[in-house]
Amino acid sequence: MKTANIPSLRVEPELRHAVEGALHNDETLSSFMEQALREKIKRRQLQDEFIACGLASRSKAKRTGEYYDAEDVLAGLGNMLSSAKDK
């Protein structure tokens, strides 16, 4: 597959120096930027999935009339967390 370029990015000198200072020994600025882009894309995809799941849940609750009290849900999650810590 043929690769493509991403347009150059203009930043303040302070940001460039901060990035260069954060690079690992075997890391280039280009590889850092590519990884940052990949992570941001993944984060956006996860956010979109989370929102879609919430909207689907809301639609199901409206359709079925089945709702759960937030305090009950949080208590149940707290119990699950306590059980997991005990193991």
C-alpha atoms as a PDB file:
ATOM      1  CA  MET A   1       0.000   0.000   0.000  1.00  0.00           C
ATOM      2  CA  LYS A   2       1.250   3.443  -0.889  1.00  0.00           C
ATOM      3  CA  THR A   3       1.786   5.852   2.016  1.00  0.00           C
ATOM      4  CA  ALA A   4       0.426   9.379   2.201  1.00  0.00           C
ATOM      5  CA  ASN A   5       1.653  12.579   3.808  1.00  0.00           C
ATOM      6  CA  ILE A   6      -0.134  14.551   6.478  1.00  0.00           C
ATOM      7  CA  PRO A   7       0.115  18.329   6.097  1.00  0.00           C
ATOM      8  CA  SER A   8       2.841  20.016   8.095  1.00  0.00           C
ATOM      9  CA  LEU A   9       1.807  21.440  11.418  1.00  0.00           C
ATOM     10  CA  ARG A  10       2.758  24.912  12.586  1.00  0.00           C
ATOM     11  CA  VAL A  11       3.277  25.150  16.339  1.00  0.00           C
ATOM     12  CA  GLU A  12       4.869  27.552  18.763  1.00  0.00           C
ATOM     13  CA  PRO A  13       8.567  26.934  19.394  1.00  0.00           C
ATOM     14  CA  GLU A  14       7.837  26.095  23.033  1.00  0.00           C
ATOM     15  CA  LEU A  15       5.586  23.211  22.008  1.00  0.00           C
ATOM     16  CA  ARG A  16       8.148  21.840  19.584  1.00  0.00           C
ATOM     17  CA  HIS A  17      10.847  21.959  22.276  1.00  0.00           C
ATOM     18  CA  ALA A  18       8.513  20.251  24.741  1.00  0.00           C
ATOM     19  CA  VAL A  19       7.803  17.461  22.254  1.00  0.00           C
ATOM     20  CA  GLU A  20      11.457  17.027  21.413  1.00  0.00           C
ATOM     21  CA  GLY A  21      12.230  16.844  25.136  1.00  0.00           C
ATOM     22  CA  ALA A  22       9.607  14.127  25.600  1.00  0.00           C
ATOM     23  CA  LEU A  23      10.945  11.859  22.849  1.00  0.00           C
ATOM     24  CA  HIS A  24      12.472   8.530  23.848  1.00  0.00           C
ATOM     25  CA  ASN A  25      15.989   7.686  22.663  1.00  0.00           C
ATOM     26  CA  ASP A  26      14.861   5.645  19.655  1.00  0.00           C
ATOM     27  CA  GLU A  27      11.867   7.828  18.803  1.00  0.00           C
ATOM     28  CA  THR A  28      11.565  10.415  16.052  1.00  0.00           C
ATOM     29  CA  LEU A  29       9.278  13.404  15.951  1.00  0.00           C
ATOM     30  CA  SER A  30       7.452  11.791  13.033  1.00  0.00           C
ATOM     31  CA  SER A  31       6.890   8.508  14.875  1.00  0.00           C
ATOM     32  CA  PHE A  32       5.700  10.430  17.948  1.00  0.00           C
ATOM     33  CA  MET A  33       3.204  12.401  15.850  1.00  0.00           C
ATOM     34  CA  GLU A  34       1.974   9.267  14.089  1.00  0.00           C
ATOM     35  CA  GLN A  35       1.407   7.493  17.404  1.00  0.00           C
ATOM     36  CA  ALA A  36      -0.366  10.542  18.826  1.00  0.00           C
ATOM     37  CA  LEU A  37      -2.695  10.614  15.816  1.00  0.00           C
ATOM     38  CA  ARG A  38      -3.444   6.896  16.124  1.00  0.00           C
ATOM     39  CA  GLU A  39      -4.215   7.234  19.844  1.00  0.00           C
ATOM     40  CA  LYS A  40      -6.481  10.236  19.290  1.00  0.00           C
ATOM     41  CA  ILE A  41      -8.370   8.420  16.526  1.00  0.00           C
ATOM     42  CA  LYS A  42      -8.849   5.381  18.790  1.00  0.00           C
ATOM     43  CA  ARG A  43     -10.056   7.624  21.648  1.00  0.00           C
ATOM     44  CA  ARG A  44     -12.590   9.289  19.333  1.00  0.00           C
ATOM     45  CA  GLN A  45     -13.819   5.902  18.114  1.00  0.00           C
ATOM     46  CA  LEU A  46     -14.267   4.716  21.711  1.00  0.00           C
ATOM     47  CA  GLN A  47     -16.125   7.911  22.584  1.00  0.00           C
ATOM     48  CA  ASP A  48     -18.416   7.469  19.586  1.00  0.00           C
ATOM     49  CA  GLU A  49     -19.113   3.843  20.595  1.00  0.00           C
ATOM     50  CA  PHE A  50     -19.801   4.901  24.185  1.00  0.00           C
ATOM     51  CA  ILE A  51     -22.262   7.577  23.076  1.00  0.00           C
ATOM     52  CA  ALA A  52     -23.977   5.188  20.641  1.00  0.00           C
ATOM     53  CA  CYS A  53     -24.342   2.614  23.431  1.00  0.00           C
ATOM     54  CA  GLY A  54     -25.821   5.232  25.750  1.00  0.00           C
ATOM     55  CA  LEU A  55     -28.276   6.419  23.122  1.00  0.00           C
ATOM     56  CA  ALA A  56     -29.320   2.846  22.367  1.00  0.00           C
ATOM     57  CA  SER A  57     -29.820   2.225  26.073  1.00  0.00           C
ATOM     58  CA  ARG A  58     -31.915   5.376  26.359  1.00  0.00           C
ATOM     59  CA  SER A  59     -34.051   4.300  23.397  1.00  0.00           C
ATOM     60  CA  LYS A  60     -34.542   0.839  24.909  1.00  0.00           C
ATOM     61  CA  ALA A  61     -35.564   2.359  28.252  1.00  0.00           C
ATOM     62  CA  LYS A  62     -38.078   4.631  26.517  1.00  0.00           C
ATOM     63  CA  ARG A  63     -39.423   1.722  24.477  1.00  0.00           C
ATOM     64  CA  THR A  64     -39.716  -0.747  27.373  1.00  0.00           C
ATOM     65  CA  GLY A  65     -40.392   1.702  30.191  1.00  0.00           C
ATOM     66  CA  GLU A  66     -37.706  -0.091  32.227  1.00  0.00           C
ATOM     67  CA  TYR A  67     -35.501   2.367  34.095  1.00  0.00           C
ATOM     68  CA  TYR A  68     -32.992   1.887  36.908  1.00  0.00           C
ATOM     69  CA  ASP A  69     -32.354   4.202  39.815  1.00  0.00           C
ATOM     70  CA  ALA A  70     -28.834   5.672  39.686  1.00  0.00           C
ATOM     71  CA  GLU A  71     -28.230   4.977  43.392  1.00  0.00           C
ATOM     72  CA  ASP A  72     -29.108   1.294  42.905  1.00  0.00           C
ATOM     73  CA  VAL A  73     -26.788   1.008  39.924  1.00  0.00           C
ATOM     74  CA  LEU A  74     -23.922   2.684  41.771  1.00  0.00           C
ATOM     75  CA  ALA A  75     -24.481   0.478  44.807  1.00  0.00           C
ATOM     76  CA  GLY A  76     -24.385  -2.607  42.589  1.00  0.00           C
ATOM     77  CA  LEU A  77     -21.171  -1.428  40.950  1.00  0.00           C
ATOM     78  CA  GLY A  78     -19.698  -0.751  44.374  1.00  0.00           C
ATOM     79  CA  ASN A  79     -20.521  -4.296  45.439  1.00  0.00           C
ATOM     80  CA  MET A  80     -18.914  -5.671  42.287  1.00  0.00           C
ATOM     81  CA  LEU A  81     -15.779  -3.624  42.951  1.00  0.00           C
ATOM     82  CA  SER A  82     -15.588  -4.784  46.563  1.00  0.00           C
ATOM     83  CA  SER A  83     -15.953  -8.418  45.483  1.00  0.00           C
ATOM     84  CA  ALA A  84     -13.215  -8.023  42.891  1.00  0.00           C
ATOM     85  CA  LYS A  85     -10.866  -6.451  45.449  1.00  0.00           C
ATOM     86  CA  ASP A  86     -11.543  -9.276  47.912  1.00  0.00           C
ATOM     87  CA  LYS A  87     -10.418 -11.900  45.369  1.00  0.00           C
END
